[in-house]
Amino acid sequence: MRGSRRLQKSQSARISYRGYFFSHESSEPPHIHVDRDGRTAKFWLEPIRLAYNLGFRADELRIIERLVTENAQRSKEAWNDFFDA
């Protein structure tokens, strides 16, 4: 079981990223996994920083980090709602 949230990059061509966390990772600090097209990255939410990257280019990681930052409060609330329930 895992929580999921979509992060979107606004452009003429819309690119969607899938943001989620795994239910078995409650012992780790709040973080979000982000996937697209077989690539994945993990970002810690407090403070926001890259934990790992598998396949994203640096320019796309900057976009993802901006999206994670913009959605950090909602992601932390979802994390807390899920794991504190």
Protein backbone atom coordinates (compact mmCIF):
# COMPACT_ATOMS: atom_id res chain seq x y z
CA MET A 1 0.00 0.00 0.00
CA ARG A 2 1.31 3.46 -0.81
CA GLY A 3 0.12 7.05 -1.06
CA SER A 4 0.25 8.71 -4.46
CA ARG A 5 0.11 12.26 -5.75
CA ARG A 6 0.65 13.61 -9.24
CA LEU A 7 3.15 16.39 -9.81
CA GLN A 8 2.84 18.21 -13.12
CA LYS A 9 5.17 20.40 -15.10
CA SER A 10 3.30 23.19 -16.86
CA GLN A 11 4.42 23.58 -20.48
CA SER A 12 2.92 23.48 -23.93
CA ALA A 13 3.49 19.71 -23.77
CA ARG A 14 2.33 18.50 -20.38
CA ILE A 15 4.66 16.10 -18.59
CA SER A 16 3.35 14.24 -15.56
CA TYR A 17 5.39 12.88 -12.71
CA ARG A 18 4.07 10.42 -10.19
CA GLY A 19 4.88 11.28 -6.59
CA TYR A 20 4.36 8.62 -3.91
CA PHE A 21 5.66 7.02 -0.74
CA PHE A 22 5.75 3.40 0.45
CA SER A 23 3.86 2.31 3.54
CA HIS A 24 6.85 0.28 4.82
CA GLU A 25 9.07 3.39 4.99
CA SER A 26 7.51 4.94 8.09
CA SER A 27 10.81 4.68 9.99
CA GLU A 28 12.50 7.04 7.49
CA PRO A 29 12.17 10.82 7.58
CA PRO A 30 9.40 12.28 5.36
CA HIS A 31 10.27 11.91 1.68
CA ILE A 32 8.70 11.43 -1.72
CA HIS A 33 9.57 9.18 -4.63
CA VAL A 34 9.05 10.68 -8.09
CA ASP A 35 8.76 8.57 -11.24
CA ARG A 36 8.37 9.13 -14.96
CA ASP A 37 9.05 6.85 -17.92
CA GLY A 38 11.09 4.28 -16.00
CA ARG A 39 13.17 6.90 -14.15
CA THR A 40 12.95 7.50 -10.44
CA ALA A 41 14.24 9.90 -7.80
CA LYS A 42 13.75 10.26 -4.07
CA PHE A 43 13.64 13.60 -2.27
CA TRP A 44 13.79 14.20 1.46
CA LEU A 45 11.16 16.77 2.48
CA GLU A 46 12.84 18.28 5.59
CA PRO A 47 14.98 19.90 4.28
CA ILE A 48 14.25 19.32 0.62
CA ARG A 49 17.21 17.54 -0.95
CA LEU A 50 17.85 14.75 -3.40
CA ALA A 51 18.34 11.34 -1.78
CA TYR A 52 18.96 9.45 -5.03
CA ASN A 53 18.39 9.61 -8.75
CA LEU A 54 18.07 6.76 -11.24
CA GLY A 55 17.91 8.11 -14.78
CA PHE A 56 16.80 11.74 -14.65
CA ARG A 57 19.04 14.34 -16.31
CA ALA A 58 20.25 17.24 -14.18
CA ASP A 59 17.97 19.78 -15.89
CA GLU A 60 14.92 17.60 -15.27
CA LEU A 61 15.95 17.04 -11.63
CA ARG A 62 15.92 20.82 -11.16
CA ILE A 63 12.34 20.91 -12.47
CA ILE A 64 11.34 18.03 -10.21
CA GLU A 65 12.98 19.66 -7.20
CA ARG A 66 11.01 22.85 -7.90
CA LEU A 67 7.78 20.82 -8.08
CA VAL A 68 8.65 18.98 -4.87
CA THR A 69 9.35 22.32 -3.18
CA GLU A 70 6.07 23.81 -4.41
CA ASN A 71 4.16 20.78 -3.12
CA ALA A 72 6.21 20.11 0.03
CA GLN A 73 3.56 21.22 2.52
CA ARG A 74 0.88 19.05 0.91
CA SER A 75 3.30 16.12 0.69
CA LYS A 76 4.26 16.43 4.37
CA GLU A 77 0.58 16.63 5.36
CA ALA A 78 -0.18 13.50 3.29
CA TRP A 79 2.80 11.73 4.88
CA ASN A 80 1.69 12.66 8.40
CA ASP A 81 -1.96 11.78 7.70
CA PHE A 82 -0.95 8.38 6.38
CA PHE A 83 1.62 7.39 8.98
CA ASP A 84 -0.04 8.98 12.02
CA ALA A 85 -3.43 7.38 11.25
